[in-house]
């Protein structure tokens, strides 16, 4: 019973937490790609209102039309990335790309090849150690996030539940496998591959030269916050606390001055003309500011390049990878923004629906009632509030990474539950796998369980250390106690039956 409840509660928690980055994703696309000037709160409420309305009226005809619109929105961005990859086909190293489908576990302990040149250029061993650690931390989080999002624990709840709702049983196994493969795996595989190829070609191991050279351009201005954050610890070491505080104060004054110069009425052409005149009169306006100038004087270029490589790109930069398809920056941002908003809304709706299933199973009520609908709305509430209150950051696209690490911690609960269910004679009866089939299934499930457990333990240790290990150990103890309690009850029931006879 502990495993069953653990699986259900873990799926429910994943829904509540995973909704947060979806709202952040949608808000980022609306503001950065579609240039909607409303506040984060207004845009978050807009996403919540649409998702809640769809869930509340889920079986109506109007919702079916809306679902088609969402599919078209998502399809636009997927086809766009397909087009970009086709255009780049002659320039891509397809052998390396094919090799990328084979997991490279050395990336858990060694930086990717793209970083090695810049690391080798560092003469200071302390700097090498620092940047090596920063790169590895980033790589590990992304690898865990990729593994967790490929098979989320809440999806392990949705798939079997949806099969039951359709009325599919053992006789539909072939159809279910075909549906899963053709309808889910192959589209996911192709779409994800194209997105990764397009974005990796644009960003992996690459840096914005204007950032490193302290030049203010449209792209460098959008990236400078992340770049500054990556350099802060090294800047403190090279500049010293006193000089760094002075640079921080000067940067604050500089930002206020830039804002006052840019804060003007008139057309964009008039504003651009005023800005150019101001830059001609004061050349420092064409830079990122005095903080960056001070850093350039003291921090070696190789370190600055690494800091620029590790900047987290957001929706605006990712959309730029589609520019070679359209040749028009505005069109690219619009296409990407529409697709991402569609993805965000559809994912929020799915999370709400899964949560409704979880609630109905937990409290034993029928679907469609008030409890089911209120349970469905919970991820929308936690997602909206969490996006605004907990994760108010510039690179909102990256909120999916810590959320995925959280999901990875929960995934072994589901896998271990399935492993036990697969080998339970009392549960499966005559359907229990036998012979070589049972060995193959147990081997495959065992590999998945061990892999997820390793990922979970790493996530727990890197985030919570001994506290996390203690919580995990406590759950294991509860599992064994629950098993003992179940066996005790079964024996008592058997004794009771004998006495009644």
Protein backbone atom coordinates (compact mmCIF):
# COMPACT_ATOMS: atom_id res chain seq x y z
CA UNK A 1 0.00 0.00 0.00
CA UNK A 2 2.88 2.39 0.70
CA UNK A 3 4.22 1.95 -2.83
CA UNK A 4 0.81 2.51 -4.37
CA UNK A 5 0.13 5.61 -2.31
CA UNK A 6 3.72 6.75 -2.83
CA UNK A 7 3.29 6.51 -6.60
CA UNK A 8 -0.01 8.41 -6.52
CA UNK A 9 1.25 11.14 -4.18
CA UNK A 10 4.49 11.51 -6.16
CA UNK A 11 2.51 11.89 -9.40
CA UNK A 12 0.27 14.48 -7.72
CA UNK A 13 3.27 16.43 -6.39
CA UNK A 14 4.89 16.36 -9.82
CA UNK A 15 1.74 17.90 -11.32
CA UNK A 16 1.68 20.70 -8.74
CA UNK A 17 5.38 21.54 -9.18
CA UNK A 18 5.67 20.97 -12.93
CA UNK A 19 2.94 23.50 -13.65
CA UNK A 20 5.18 26.32 -12.38
CA UNK A 21 7.71 26.33 -15.25
CA UNK A 22 4.89 25.95 -17.79
CA UNK A 23 3.42 29.28 -16.67
CA UNK A 24 6.90 30.82 -16.72
CA UNK A 25 7.44 29.41 -20.21
CA UNK A 26 4.18 30.86 -21.49
CA UNK A 27 4.76 34.27 -19.90
CA UNK A 28 8.30 34.41 -21.32
CA UNK A 29 7.01 33.66 -24.82
CA UNK A 30 4.20 36.22 -24.58
CA UNK A 31 6.53 38.98 -23.38
CA UNK A 32 9.79 38.25 -25.19
CA UNK A 33 8.65 36.70 -28.46
CA UNK A 34 5.20 38.21 -28.99
CA UNK A 35 6.11 41.58 -27.39
CA UNK A 36 2.99 41.77 -25.20
CA UNK A 37 3.57 44.53 -22.68
CA UNK A 38 1.26 43.35 -19.88
CA UNK A 39 2.62 42.48 -16.44
CA UNK A 40 3.62 38.96 -15.41
CA UNK A 41 0.58 38.73 -13.15
CA UNK A 42 -1.89 39.62 -15.91
CA UNK A 43 -0.31 37.19 -18.39
CA UNK A 44 -0.20 34.41 -15.79
CA UNK A 45 -3.91 34.92 -15.06
CA UNK A 46 -4.60 34.82 -18.81
CA UNK A 47 -2.90 31.41 -19.12
CA UNK A 48 -4.70 30.12 -16.01
CA UNK A 49 -8.11 31.33 -17.22
CA UNK A 50 -7.78 29.61 -20.60
CA UNK A 51 -6.49 26.34 -19.10
CA UNK A 52 -9.14 26.29 -16.35
CA UNK A 53 -11.95 26.95 -18.84
CA UNK A 54 -10.81 24.07 -21.06
CA UNK A 55 -10.54 21.65 -18.13
CA UNK A 56 -13.91 22.70 -16.66
CA UNK A 57 -15.69 22.09 -19.99
CA UNK A 58 -13.44 19.27 -21.16
CA UNK A 59 -15.99 17.06 -22.95
CA UNK A 60 -17.76 19.85 -24.86
CA UNK A 61 -17.45 20.33 -28.64
CA UNK A 62 -15.94 23.80 -28.26
CA UNK A 63 -13.02 22.36 -26.32
CA UNK A 64 -12.32 19.89 -29.13
CA UNK A 65 -11.98 22.82 -31.54
CA UNK A 66 -9.64 24.58 -29.11
CA UNK A 67 -7.51 21.41 -28.86
CA UNK A 68 -7.13 21.40 -32.65
CA UNK A 69 -6.01 25.05 -32.51
CA UNK A 70 -3.41 24.17 -29.85
CA UNK A 71 -2.12 21.29 -31.98
CA UNK A 72 -1.75 23.64 -34.95
CA UNK A 73 0.12 26.18 -32.78
CA UNK A 74 2.56 23.53 -31.55
CA UNK A 75 2.83 22.01 -35.03
CA UNK A 76 3.98 25.34 -36.47
CA UNK A 77 7.04 25.51 -34.24
CA UNK A 78 7.87 21.80 -34.69
CA UNK A 79 7.72 22.11 -38.48
CA UNK A 80 9.84 25.28 -38.26
CA UNK A 81 12.61 23.42 -36.46
CA UNK A 82 12.34 20.61 -39.02
CA UNK A 83 12.84 23.22 -41.72
CA UNK A 84 15.88 24.74 -40.00
CA UNK A 85 17.57 21.34 -39.68
CA UNK A 86 16.89 20.57 -43.36
CA UNK A 87 18.47 23.90 -44.34
CA UNK A 88 21.54 23.13 -42.21
CA UNK A 89 21.78 19.51 -43.42
CA UNK A 90 24.87 20.08 -45.55
CA UNK A 91 26.78 21.77 -42.71
CA UNK A 92 25.94 19.30 -39.93
CA UNK A 93 28.21 16.48 -38.78
CA UNK A 94 25.66 13.67 -38.96
CA UNK A 95 28.12 11.09 -37.61
CA UNK A 96 28.54 13.08 -34.40
CA UNK A 97 24.79 13.63 -34.19
CA UNK A 98 24.15 9.88 -34.52
CA UNK A 99 26.74 9.25 -31.80
CA UNK A 100 24.84 11.65 -29.57
CA UNK A 101 22.00 9.15 -29.26
CA UNK A 102 24.34 6.87 -27.32
CA UNK A 103 24.52 8.07 -23.69
CA UNK A 104 27.95 9.50 -22.84
CA UNK A 105 28.34 9.03 -19.10
CA UNK A 106 31.78 10.67 -19.17
CA UNK A 107 29.91 14.00 -19.25
CA UNK A 108 29.04 13.40 -15.60
CA UNK A 109 32.72 13.76 -14.71
CA UNK A 110 34.30 15.67 -17.60
CA UNK A 111 33.31 18.86 -19.46
CA UNK A 112 32.15 18.49 -23.08
CA UNK A 113 34.77 18.84 -25.82
CA UNK A 114 33.48 22.28 -26.84
CA UNK A 115 34.66 23.72 -23.50
CA UNK A 116 38.09 22.11 -23.53
CA UNK A 117 39.81 24.75 -25.68
CA UNK A 118 38.81 27.59 -23.36
CA UNK A 119 39.69 25.53 -20.27
CA UNK A 120 43.12 24.74 -21.74
CA UNK A 121 43.73 28.47 -22.26
CA UNK A 122 43.53 29.07 -18.48
CA UNK A 123 46.95 29.36 -16.85
CA UNK A 124 45.68 29.45 -13.27
CA UNK A 125 44.91 26.01 -11.78
CA UNK A 126 42.40 27.58 -9.40
CA UNK A 127 40.51 29.03 -12.36
CA UNK A 128 40.54 25.66 -14.13
CA UNK A 129 39.14 23.93 -11.06
CA UNK A 130 36.43 26.56 -10.62
CA UNK A 131 35.18 26.57 -14.22
CA UNK A 132 35.47 22.81 -14.50
CA UNK A 133 33.10 22.56 -11.51
CA UNK A 134 30.68 25.14 -12.94
CA UNK A 135 30.49 23.33 -16.28
CA UNK A 136 29.99 19.93 -14.66
CA UNK A 137 27.23 21.26 -12.42
CA UNK A 138 25.42 22.62 -15.47
CA UNK A 139 25.93 19.42 -17.50
CA UNK A 140 24.71 17.14 -14.73
CA UNK A 141 21.55 19.15 -14.09
CA UNK A 142 20.71 19.13 -17.80
CA UNK A 143 21.33 15.38 -18.13
CA UNK A 144 19.10 14.62 -15.15
CA UNK A 145 16.47 17.05 -16.46
CA UNK A 146 16.50 15.37 -19.88
CA UNK A 147 16.08 11.91 -18.33
CA UNK A 148 13.29 13.03 -15.99
CA UNK A 149 11.30 14.90 -18.65
CA UNK A 150 11.56 12.03 -21.16
CA UNK A 151 9.43 9.89 -18.80
CA UNK A 152 7.79 11.99 -16.08
CA UNK A 153 6.29 10.17 -13.11
CA UNK A 154 2.93 11.82 -13.71
CA UNK A 155 2.88 10.39 -17.24
CA UNK A 156 3.34 6.90 -15.80
CA UNK A 157 0.03 7.55 -14.04
CA UNK A 158 -1.71 9.07 -17.07
CA UNK A 159 -1.00 6.35 -19.63
CA UNK A 160 -2.48 3.34 -17.78
CA UNK A 161 -5.36 5.49 -16.51
CA UNK A 162 -6.19 6.67 -20.03
CA UNK A 163 -6.15 3.06 -21.27
CA UNK A 164 -8.61 2.08 -18.55
CA UNK A 165 -10.82 5.07 -19.39
CA UNK A 166 -10.91 3.98 -23.05
CA UNK A 167 -11.97 0.52 -21.93
CA UNK A 168 -8.86 -1.12 -23.37
CA UNK A 169 -7.80 -4.45 -21.88
CA UNK A 170 -5.46 -7.34 -22.68
CA UNK A 171 -6.98 -7.78 -26.15
CA UNK A 172 -5.94 -4.20 -27.02
CA UNK A 173 -2.23 -4.61 -26.17
CA UNK A 174 -1.08 -4.50 -29.78
CA UNK A 175 -3.13 -1.39 -30.47
CA UNK A 176 -1.84 0.26 -27.27
CA UNK A 177 1.79 -0.39 -28.26
CA UNK A 178 1.16 0.93 -31.76
CA UNK A 179 -0.60 3.99 -30.36
CA UNK A 180 2.25 4.65 -27.94
CA UNK A 181 4.96 4.21 -30.57
CA UNK A 182 3.42 5.99 -33.57
CA UNK A 183 1.37 8.54 -31.65
CA UNK A 184 3.88 9.50 -28.96
CA UNK A 185 7.42 8.14 -29.19
CA UNK A 186 8.23 8.78 -32.86
CA UNK A 187 6.83 12.37 -32.95
CA UNK A 188 8.59 13.12 -29.63
CA UNK A 189 11.84 11.64 -30.94
CA UNK A 190 11.83 13.56 -34.23
CA UNK A 191 10.66 16.89 -32.79
CA UNK A 192 13.09 16.82 -29.85
CA UNK A 193 15.97 15.83 -32.14
CA UNK A 194 15.37 18.79 -34.45
CA UNK A 195 14.99 21.27 -31.57
CA UNK A 196 18.20 20.03 -29.93
CA UNK A 197 20.18 20.11 -33.19
CA UNK A 198 19.04 23.64 -34.04
CA UNK A 199 19.65 25.05 -30.55
CA UNK A 200 22.95 23.19 -29.97
CA UNK A 201 24.35 24.44 -33.27
CA UNK A 202 23.48 27.97 -32.19
CA UNK A 203 24.50 27.89 -28.51
CA UNK A 204 26.59 24.89 -27.38
CA UNK A 205 30.12 26.03 -26.65
CA UNK A 206 29.41 29.36 -28.35
CA UNK A 207 29.58 32.81 -26.78
CA UNK A 208 28.45 36.30 -27.67
CA UNK A 209 31.62 38.25 -28.50
CA UNK A 210 29.98 41.57 -27.61
CA UNK A 211 29.53 40.35 -24.03
CA UNK A 212 33.19 39.49 -23.68
CA UNK A 213 34.30 42.75 -25.34
CA UNK A 214 31.90 44.95 -23.31
CA UNK A 215 29.92 46.19 -26.30
CA UNK A 216 26.22 47.01 -25.98
CA UNK A 217 24.23 45.27 -28.71
CA UNK A 218 20.64 44.02 -28.75
CA UNK A 219 21.78 40.46 -27.97
CA UNK A 220 24.49 41.29 -25.43
CA UNK A 221 22.13 43.55 -23.46
CA UNK A 222 19.67 40.65 -23.09
CA UNK A 223 22.43 38.29 -21.94
CA UNK A 224 24.43 40.58 -19.67
CA UNK A 225 22.53 39.70 -16.46
CA UNK A 226 23.37 36.00 -16.73
CA UNK A 227 26.93 36.79 -17.81
CA UNK A 228 27.43 39.08 -14.81
CA UNK A 229 26.05 36.39 -12.48
CA UNK A 230 28.46 33.79 -13.89
CA UNK A 231 31.43 36.13 -13.38
CA UNK A 232 30.67 37.49 -9.90
CA UNK A 233 32.76 35.03 -7.88
CA UNK A 234 35.76 35.33 -10.19
CA UNK A 235 35.38 39.12 -10.32
CA UNK A 236 35.50 39.26 -6.51
CA UNK A 237 38.72 37.24 -6.55
CA UNK A 238 40.44 39.29 -9.26
CA UNK A 239 39.21 42.76 -8.27
CA UNK A 240 38.92 42.47 -4.51
CA UNK A 241 35.88 43.37 -2.42
CA UNK A 242 36.56 47.11 -2.30
CA UNK A 243 36.98 47.58 -6.06
CA UNK A 244 34.03 45.27 -6.76
CA UNK A 245 31.71 47.27 -4.48
CA UNK A 246 32.78 50.46 -6.22
CA UNK A 247 32.14 48.84 -9.62
CA UNK A 248 28.69 47.70 -8.45
CA UNK A 249 27.82 51.23 -7.31
CA UNK A 250 29.03 52.74 -10.59
CA UNK A 251 27.04 50.16 -12.56
CA UNK A 252 23.86 51.08 -10.68
CA UNK A 253 24.37 54.77 -11.50
CA UNK A 254 25.13 53.86 -15.11
CA UNK A 255 21.92 51.81 -15.46
CA UNK A 256 19.88 54.72 -14.08
CA UNK A 257 21.54 57.12 -16.54
CA UNK A 258 20.87 54.79 -19.50
CA UNK A 259 17.23 54.50 -18.45
CA UNK A 260 16.86 58.29 -18.26
CA UNK A 261 18.31 58.71 -21.74
CA UNK A 262 16.10 55.99 -23.23
CA UNK A 263 12.97 57.09 -21.38
CA UNK A 264 11.53 59.31 -24.08
CA UNK A 265 8.41 59.76 -26.18
CA UNK A 266 8.24 59.77 -29.96
CA UNK A 267 8.52 57.19 -32.73
CA UNK A 268 11.10 54.41 -32.65
CA UNK A 269 13.12 56.22 -35.33
CA UNK A 270 13.18 59.38 -33.17
CA UNK A 271 14.19 57.38 -30.10
CA UNK A 272 16.98 55.63 -32.04
CA UNK A 273 18.25 58.98 -33.32
CA UNK A 274 18.30 60.41 -29.78
CA UNK A 275 20.13 57.34 -28.51
CA UNK A 276 22.77 57.56 -31.28
CA UNK A 277 23.34 61.23 -30.48
CA UNK A 278 23.77 60.35 -26.79
CA UNK A 279 26.26 57.56 -27.60
CA UNK A 280 28.28 59.88 -29.85
CA UNK A 281 28.45 62.39 -27.00
CA UNK A 282 29.26 59.77 -24.35
CA UNK A 283 30.96 56.63 -25.69
CA UNK A 284 30.41 54.70 -22.44
CA UNK A 285 26.71 54.46 -23.36
CA UNK A 286 27.76 52.03 -26.09
CA UNK A 287 29.20 49.64 -23.50
CA UNK A 288 27.59 47.33 -20.98
CA UNK A 289 28.77 49.57 -18.16
CA UNK A 290 31.61 50.27 -15.69
CA UNK A 291 31.25 46.91 -13.90
CA UNK A 292 32.04 45.07 -17.13
CA UNK A 293 34.87 47.48 -17.95
CA UNK A 294 36.47 46.77 -14.56
CA UNK A 295 36.10 43.02 -15.10
CA UNK A 296 37.66 43.24 -18.57
CA UNK A 297 40.72 44.91 -17.05
CA UNK A 298 41.35 42.18 -14.47
CA UNK A 299 39.64 38.90 -15.46
CA UNK A 300 41.41 36.90 -18.22
CA UNK A 301 39.57 36.64 -21.54
CA UNK A 302 39.42 32.82 -21.36
CA UNK A 303 37.42 33.07 -18.12
CA UNK A 304 35.11 35.68 -19.62
CA UNK A 305 34.50 33.45 -22.64
CA UNK A 306 33.56 30.52 -20.41
CA UNK A 307 31.20 32.74 -18.42
CA UNK A 308 29.56 33.85 -21.69
CA UNK A 309 29.25 30.22 -22.90
CA UNK A 310 27.41 29.24 -19.72
CA UNK A 311 24.80 32.01 -19.92
CA UNK A 312 21.30 30.51 -19.95
CA UNK A 313 19.52 31.52 -23.13
CA UNK A 314 15.84 32.41 -22.94
CA UNK A 315 12.94 32.39 -25.39
CA UNK A 316 14.26 35.36 -27.39
CA UNK A 317 17.65 33.75 -28.09
CA UNK A 318 16.21 30.30 -28.79
CA UNK A 319 13.84 31.79 -31.35
CA UNK A 320 16.90 33.23 -33.09
CA UNK A 321 17.88 29.71 -34.17
CA UNK A 322 14.90 29.81 -36.57
CA UNK A 323 15.99 33.04 -38.26
CA UNK A 324 17.79 31.35 -41.13
CA UNK A 325 14.48 29.70 -42.09
CA UNK A 326 12.43 32.90 -42.37
CA UNK A 327 15.14 35.51 -42.85
CA UNK A 328 12.97 37.85 -40.80
CA UNK A 329 13.63 38.36 -37.09
CA UNK A 330 10.10 39.60 -36.33
CA UNK A 331 8.44 36.67 -38.13
CA UNK A 332 10.76 34.23 -36.37
CA UNK A 333 9.91 35.59 -32.93
CA UNK A 334 6.18 35.47 -33.72
CA UNK A 335 6.26 31.87 -35.00
CA UNK A 336 8.30 30.70 -32.04
CA UNK A 337 6.14 32.60 -29.54
CA UNK A 338 2.88 31.17 -30.88
CA UNK A 339 4.28 27.64 -30.75
CA UNK A 340 5.64 27.97 -27.23
CA UNK A 341 2.41 29.47 -25.89
CA UNK A 342 0.57 26.51 -27.41
CA UNK A 343 2.99 24.10 -25.75
CA UNK A 344 2.66 25.82 -22.38
CA UNK A 345 -1.15 25.89 -22.38
CA UNK A 346 -1.48 22.30 -23.59
CA UNK A 347 0.97 21.07 -20.94
CA UNK A 348 -0.84 22.98 -18.16
CA UNK A 349 -4.11 21.39 -19.30
CA UNK A 350 -2.57 17.90 -19.29
CA UNK A 351 -1.15 18.42 -15.80
CA UNK A 352 -4.57 19.59 -14.59
CA UNK A 353 -6.29 16.54 -16.08
CA UNK A 354 -3.76 14.13 -14.57
CA UNK A 355 -4.21 15.78 -11.19
CA UNK A 356 -7.96 15.33 -11.45
CA UNK A 357 -7.39 11.61 -12.04
CA UNK A 358 -5.08 11.46 -9.00
CA UNK A 359 -7.60 13.17 -6.72
CA UNK A 360 -10.51 10.94 -7.78
CA UNK A 361 -8.43 7.82 -7.17
CA UNK A 362 -7.14 9.11 -3.83
CA UNK A 363 -10.54 9.89 -2.32
CA UNK A 364 -12.57 7.30 -4.24
CA UNK A 365 -15.06 9.53 -6.07
CA UNK A 366 -16.44 9.47 -9.60
CA UNK A 367 -14.95 11.58 -12.36
CA UNK A 368 -16.83 14.69 -13.39
CA UNK A 369 -17.90 15.73 -9.91
CA UNK A 370 -16.87 18.81 -7.95
CA UNK A 371 -13.97 17.04 -6.22
CA UNK A 372 -12.58 15.97 -9.59
CA UNK A 373 -12.84 19.47 -11.08
CA UNK A 374 -11.39 21.20 -8.02
CA UNK A 375 -8.54 18.68 -8.00
CA UNK A 376 -7.95 19.44 -11.67
CA UNK A 377 -7.60 23.16 -10.95
CA UNK A 378 -4.93 22.72 -8.24
CA UNK A 379 -1.89 22.60 -10.61
CA UNK A 380 -3.17 25.81 -12.22
CA UNK A 381 -3.26 27.54 -8.84
CA UNK A 382 0.15 26.27 -7.65
CA UNK A 383 1.68 26.85 -11.07
CA UNK A 384 0.45 30.43 -11.35
CA UNK A 385 1.39 31.40 -7.79
CA UNK A 386 4.73 29.58 -7.93
CA UNK A 387 5.67 31.19 -11.23
CA UNK A 388 5.03 34.69 -9.84
CA UNK A 389 6.17 34.33 -6.22
CA UNK A 390 8.89 31.67 -6.21
CA UNK A 391 10.65 31.89 -9.53
CA UNK A 392 10.78 35.49 -10.63
CA UNK A 393 13.83 35.28 -12.86
CA UNK A 394 14.83 36.56 -16.27
CA UNK A 395 15.61 33.21 -17.91
CA UNK A 396 12.18 31.73 -17.20
CA UNK A 397 12.73 28.99 -19.82
CA UNK A 398 15.28 27.42 -17.45
CA UNK A 399 12.84 26.86 -14.59
CA UNK A 400 12.13 23.47 -16.17
CA UNK A 401 15.60 22.27 -15.11
CA UNK A 402 15.21 22.39 -11.29
CA UNK A 403 11.66 21.09 -11.69
CA UNK A 404 12.94 18.15 -13.74
CA UNK A 405 15.54 17.36 -11.07
CA UNK A 406 12.67 17.20 -8.57
CA UNK A 407 10.79 14.89 -10.94
CA UNK A 408 13.83 12.63 -11.21
CA UNK A 409 13.79 12.10 -7.44
CA UNK A 410 10.21 10.82 -7.64
CA UNK A 411 10.62 8.59 -10.72
CA UNK A 412 12.16 5.53 -8.95
CA UNK A 413 9.01 5.32 -6.78
CA UNK A 414 6.93 4.55 -9.88
CA UNK A 415 9.52 2.21 -11.40
CA UNK A 416 9.91 0.21 -8.19
CA UNK A 417 6.12 -0.04 -7.92
CA UNK A 418 5.91 -1.40 -11.47
CA UNK A 419 8.76 -3.83 -10.79
CA UNK A 420 6.89 -5.27 -7.79
CA UNK A 421 3.58 -5.38 -9.68
CA UNK A 422 5.17 -7.22 -12.62
CA UNK A 423 6.24 -10.01 -10.27
CA UNK A 424 3.09 -10.22 -8.12
CA UNK A 425 1.20 -13.48 -8.61
CA UNK A 426 -1.66 -12.29 -6.41
CA UNK A 427 -2.10 -9.18 -8.55
CA UNK A 428 -1.58 -10.56 -12.08
CA UNK A 429 -2.75 -14.15 -11.62
CA UNK A 430 -2.53 -16.04 -14.93
CA UNK A 431 -1.26 -12.89 -16.67
CA UNK A 432 2.06 -13.11 -14.78
CA UNK A 433 4.89 -13.24 -17.37
CA UNK A 434 6.71 -16.57 -17.59
CA UNK A 435 9.99 -17.98 -18.87
CA UNK A 436 12.23 -15.90 -21.10
CA UNK A 437 9.64 -13.15 -21.43
CA UNK A 438 9.63 -12.63 -17.67
CA UNK A 439 13.43 -12.55 -17.57
CA UNK A 440 13.57 -10.00 -20.41
CA UNK A 441 10.91 -7.77 -18.83
CA UNK A 442 12.57 -7.90 -15.42
CA UNK A 443 15.96 -7.16 -16.94
CA UNK A 444 14.64 -4.13 -18.86
CA UNK A 445 12.69 -2.83 -15.87
CA UNK A 446 15.68 -3.47 -13.60
CA UNK A 447 17.98 -1.41 -15.82
CA UNK A 448 15.43 1.44 -15.89
CA UNK A 449 15.02 1.23 -12.11
CA UNK A 450 18.76 1.29 -11.41
CA UNK A 451 19.31 4.18 -13.84
CA UNK A 452 16.49 6.23 -12.31
CA UNK A 453 17.71 5.42 -8.80
CA UNK A 454 21.24 6.61 -9.62
CA UNK A 455 19.82 9.84 -11.07
CA UNK A 456 17.56 10.31 -8.06
CA UNK A 457 20.34 9.72 -5.53
CA UNK A 458 22.62 12.17 -7.33
CA UNK A 459 19.82 14.77 -7.40
CA UNK A 460 19.07 14.25 -3.70
CA UNK A 461 22.73 14.48 -2.68
CA UNK A 462 23.51 17.53 -4.81
CA UNK A 463 20.48 19.47 -3.53
CA UNK A 464 19.77 18.28 0.04
CA UNK A 465 22.69 15.99 0.94
CA UNK A 466 22.12 14.09 4.23
CA UNK A 467 18.65 15.56 4.79
CA UNK A 468 17.54 14.21 1.43
CA UNK A 469 19.15 10.83 2.08
CA UNK A 470 17.33 10.67 5.43
CA UNK A 471 13.94 11.41 3.82
CA UNK A 472 14.57 8.80 1.13
CA UNK A 473 15.62 6.21 3.74
CA UNK A 474 12.48 7.01 5.74
CA UNK A 475 10.35 6.26 2.69
CA UNK A 476 12.11 2.89 2.20
CA UNK A 477 11.41 2.01 5.85
CA UNK A 478 7.72 2.89 5.33
CA UNK A 479 7.61 0.62 2.28
CA UNK A 480 8.88 -2.37 4.29
CA UNK A 481 6.57 -1.59 7.23
CA UNK A 482 3.65 -1.33 4.83
CA UNK A 483 4.57 -4.69 3.32
CA UNK A 484 4.75 -6.31 6.75
CA UNK A 485 1.39 -4.75 7.70
CA UNK A 486 -0.19 -6.11 4.51
CA UNK A 487 1.12 -9.63 5.14
CA UNK A 488 -0.06 -9.50 8.75
CA UNK A 489 -3.55 -8.48 7.65
CA UNK A 490 -3.62 -11.23 5.03
CA UNK A 491 -2.71 -13.84 7.65
CA UNK A 492 -5.28 -12.49 10.10
CA UNK A 493 -7.93 -12.60 7.36
CA UNK A 494 -6.99 -16.21 6.58
CA UNK A 495 -7.23 -17.18 10.26
CA UNK A 496 -10.58 -15.39 10.53
CA UNK A 497 -11.93 -17.31 7.53
CA UNK A 498 -10.85 -20.64 9.04
CA UNK A 499 -12.48 -19.81 12.37
CA UNK A 500 -15.73 -18.88 10.63
CA UNK A 501 -15.75 -22.23 8.83
